[in-house]
């Protein structure tokens, strides 16, 4: 069984036991988080697609940790102008393990 959930402006295809890095959620480590914006639920050949969400369905997960991704380096360079600008960015995330799909 799998589900498509909507979190942080993105869609994720999840199964029970999957570990995801989502956009930062305001939930403590060890707590349970429920995703009620379930866009589709499928099992085998059958697929239940919502408009836009499946009524009465939810996906639950356990928050494992909070952290930051690896640094993305941004370099802006203009040739022959002696101009170079360096910048970095690290995005925050929440690591969640999917525990149930209902």
C-alpha atoms as a PDB file:
ATOM      1  CA  UNK A   1       0.000   0.000   0.000  1.00  0.00           C
ATOM      2  CA  UNK A   2       1.243   3.469  -0.847  1.00  0.00           C
ATOM      3  CA  UNK A   3      -0.029   7.026  -0.635  1.00  0.00           C
ATOM      4  CA  UNK A   4       0.769  10.405  -2.176  1.00  0.00           C
ATOM      5  CA  UNK A   5       0.901  13.148   0.461  1.00  0.00           C
ATOM      6  CA  UNK A   6       1.270  16.908   0.176  1.00  0.00           C
ATOM      7  CA  UNK A   7       3.666  18.616   2.598  1.00  0.00           C
ATOM      8  CA  UNK A   8       5.696  21.796   2.360  1.00  0.00           C
ATOM      9  CA  UNK A   9       4.518  22.602  -1.156  1.00  0.00           C
ATOM     10  CA  UNK A  10       5.730  19.239  -2.512  1.00  0.00           C
ATOM     11  CA  UNK A  11       4.185  15.836  -3.176  1.00  0.00           C
ATOM     12  CA  UNK A  12       5.721  12.627  -1.820  1.00  0.00           C
ATOM     13  CA  UNK A  13       4.928   8.984  -2.654  1.00  0.00           C
ATOM     14  CA  UNK A  14       5.253   7.076   0.625  1.00  0.00           C
ATOM     15  CA  UNK A  15       4.940   3.537   1.974  1.00  0.00           C
ATOM     16  CA  UNK A  16       4.936   2.275   5.535  1.00  0.00           C
ATOM     17  CA  UNK A  17       8.514   2.289   6.832  1.00  0.00           C
ATOM     18  CA  UNK A  18       9.813   5.000   4.456  1.00  0.00           C
ATOM     19  CA  UNK A  19      12.052   7.705   5.925  1.00  0.00           C
ATOM     20  CA  UNK A  20      11.611  11.179   4.383  1.00  0.00           C
ATOM     21  CA  UNK A  21      13.360  14.520   4.737  1.00  0.00           C
ATOM     22  CA  UNK A  22      10.542  17.079   4.625  1.00  0.00           C
ATOM     23  CA  UNK A  23      10.472  20.844   4.938  1.00  0.00           C
ATOM     24  CA  UNK A  24      10.799  21.914   8.577  1.00  0.00           C
ATOM     25  CA  UNK A  25       7.783  20.959  10.704  1.00  0.00           C
ATOM     26  CA  UNK A  26       7.083  22.528  14.103  1.00  0.00           C
ATOM     27  CA  UNK A  27       6.910  19.170  15.930  1.00  0.00           C
ATOM     28  CA  UNK A  28       9.221  17.830  18.656  1.00  0.00           C
ATOM     29  CA  UNK A  29      11.467  14.814  18.072  1.00  0.00           C
ATOM     30  CA  UNK A  30       9.655  11.577  18.948  1.00  0.00           C
ATOM     31  CA  UNK A  31       6.158  13.002  18.453  1.00  0.00           C
ATOM     32  CA  UNK A  32       3.642  11.764  15.905  1.00  0.00           C
ATOM     33  CA  UNK A  33       2.717  13.935  12.938  1.00  0.00           C
ATOM     34  CA  UNK A  34      -0.426  13.372  10.847  1.00  0.00           C
ATOM     35  CA  UNK A  35      -0.725  14.305   7.179  1.00  0.00           C
ATOM     36  CA  UNK A  36      -4.367  14.852   6.276  1.00  0.00           C
ATOM     37  CA  UNK A  37      -3.681  16.174   2.780  1.00  0.00           C
ATOM     38  CA  UNK A  38      -3.562  12.756   1.101  1.00  0.00           C
ATOM     39  CA  UNK A  39      -3.857  13.108  -2.669  1.00  0.00           C
ATOM     40  CA  UNK A  40      -4.010   9.414  -3.605  1.00  0.00           C
ATOM     41  CA  UNK A  41      -3.999   5.964  -2.029  1.00  0.00           C
ATOM     42  CA  UNK A  42      -3.089   2.854  -3.979  1.00  0.00           C
ATOM     43  CA  UNK A  43      -2.744  -0.853  -3.394  1.00  0.00           C
ATOM     44  CA  UNK A  44      -1.720  -3.190  -6.198  1.00  0.00           C
ATOM     45  CA  UNK A  45      -3.624  -2.270  -9.358  1.00  0.00           C
ATOM     46  CA  UNK A  46      -6.269  -0.137  -7.610  1.00  0.00           C
ATOM     47  CA  UNK A  47      -5.730   3.584  -7.119  1.00  0.00           C
ATOM     48  CA  UNK A  48      -8.038   5.996  -5.276  1.00  0.00           C
ATOM     49  CA  UNK A  49      -7.366   9.566  -6.431  1.00  0.00           C
ATOM     50  CA  UNK A  50      -8.888  12.479  -4.521  1.00  0.00           C
ATOM     51  CA  UNK A  51     -10.238  15.756  -5.832  1.00  0.00           C
ATOM     52  CA  UNK A  52      -8.007  17.330  -4.549  1.00  0.00           C
ATOM     53  CA  UNK A  53      -7.706  15.138  -1.413  1.00  0.00           C
ATOM     54  CA  UNK A  54      -9.048  11.696  -0.496  1.00  0.00           C
ATOM     55  CA  UNK A  55     -11.868  12.085   2.054  1.00  0.00           C
ATOM     56  CA  UNK A  56     -11.313  10.541   5.489  1.00  0.00           C
ATOM     57  CA  UNK A  57      -7.749   9.383   4.876  1.00  0.00           C
ATOM     58  CA  UNK A  58      -4.581  10.244   6.713  1.00  0.00           C
ATOM     59  CA  UNK A  59      -0.957   9.201   6.923  1.00  0.00           C
ATOM     60  CA  UNK A  60       0.866   9.130  10.254  1.00  0.00           C
ATOM     61  CA  UNK A  61       4.582   9.399  10.865  1.00  0.00           C
ATOM     62  CA  UNK A  62       7.087   9.648  13.693  1.00  0.00           C
ATOM     63  CA  UNK A  63       9.559  12.555  13.791  1.00  0.00           C
ATOM     64  CA  UNK A  64      13.099  11.133  13.960  1.00  0.00           C
ATOM     65  CA  UNK A  65      15.229  14.284  13.879  1.00  0.00           C
ATOM     66  CA  UNK A  66      15.674  17.854  12.718  1.00  0.00           C
ATOM     67  CA  UNK A  67      18.729  18.910  10.746  1.00  0.00           C
ATOM     68  CA  UNK A  68      20.222  20.768   7.826  1.00  0.00           C
ATOM     69  CA  UNK A  69      21.087  19.538   4.345  1.00  0.00           C
ATOM     70  CA  UNK A  70      24.556  19.766   2.825  1.00  0.00           C
ATOM     71  CA  UNK A  71      25.670  23.211   1.723  1.00  0.00           C
ATOM     72  CA  UNK A  72      24.808  24.298  -1.803  1.00  0.00           C
ATOM     73  CA  UNK A  73      27.441  26.681  -3.136  1.00  0.00           C
ATOM     74  CA  UNK A  74      26.369  29.474  -5.450  1.00  0.00           C
ATOM     75  CA  UNK A  75      29.030  31.264  -7.516  1.00  0.00           C
ATOM     76  CA  UNK A  76      28.290  34.281  -9.686  1.00  0.00           C
ATOM     77  CA  UNK A  77      31.178  35.058 -11.980  1.00  0.00           C
ATOM     78  CA  UNK A  78      31.676  37.710 -14.646  1.00  0.00           C
ATOM     79  CA  UNK A  79      34.513  37.037 -17.013  1.00  0.00           C
ATOM     80  CA  UNK A  80      37.147  39.701 -17.656  1.00  0.00           C
ATOM     81  CA  UNK A  81      35.640  41.976 -14.970  1.00  0.00           C
ATOM     82  CA  UNK A  82      37.542  40.773 -11.869  1.00  0.00           C
ATOM     83  CA  UNK A  83      34.190  40.072 -10.242  1.00  0.00           C
ATOM     84  CA  UNK A  84      33.210  36.886  -8.419  1.00  0.00           C
ATOM     85  CA  UNK A  85      30.581  36.444  -5.714  1.00  0.00           C
ATOM     86  CA  UNK A  86      30.327  33.327  -3.566  1.00  0.00           C
ATOM     87  CA  UNK A  87      27.316  32.398  -1.506  1.00  0.00           C
ATOM     88  CA  UNK A  88      26.125  29.291   0.322  1.00  0.00           C
ATOM     89  CA  UNK A  89      22.782  27.929   1.471  1.00  0.00           C
ATOM     90  CA  UNK A  90      21.767  25.108   3.834  1.00  0.00           C
ATOM     91  CA  UNK A  91      18.093  24.140   3.943  1.00  0.00           C
ATOM     92  CA  UNK A  92      16.507  22.966   7.210  1.00  0.00           C
ATOM     93  CA  UNK A  93      14.615  19.651   7.232  1.00  0.00           C
ATOM     94  CA  UNK A  94      12.619  17.317   9.460  1.00  0.00           C
ATOM     95  CA  UNK A  95      13.241  13.582   9.116  1.00  0.00           C
ATOM     96  CA  UNK A  96      10.006  11.556   9.381  1.00  0.00           C
ATOM     97  CA  UNK A  97       9.372   7.795   9.334  1.00  0.00           C
ATOM     98  CA  UNK A  98       5.963   6.759   7.972  1.00  0.00           C
ATOM     99  CA  UNK A  99       4.157   4.484  10.463  1.00  0.00           C
ATOM    100  CA  UNK A 100       0.615   4.063   9.100  1.00  0.00           C
ATOM    101  CA  UNK A 101      -1.631   4.761   6.124  1.00  0.00           C
ATOM    102  CA  UNK A 102      -5.394   4.827   6.801  1.00  0.00           C
END
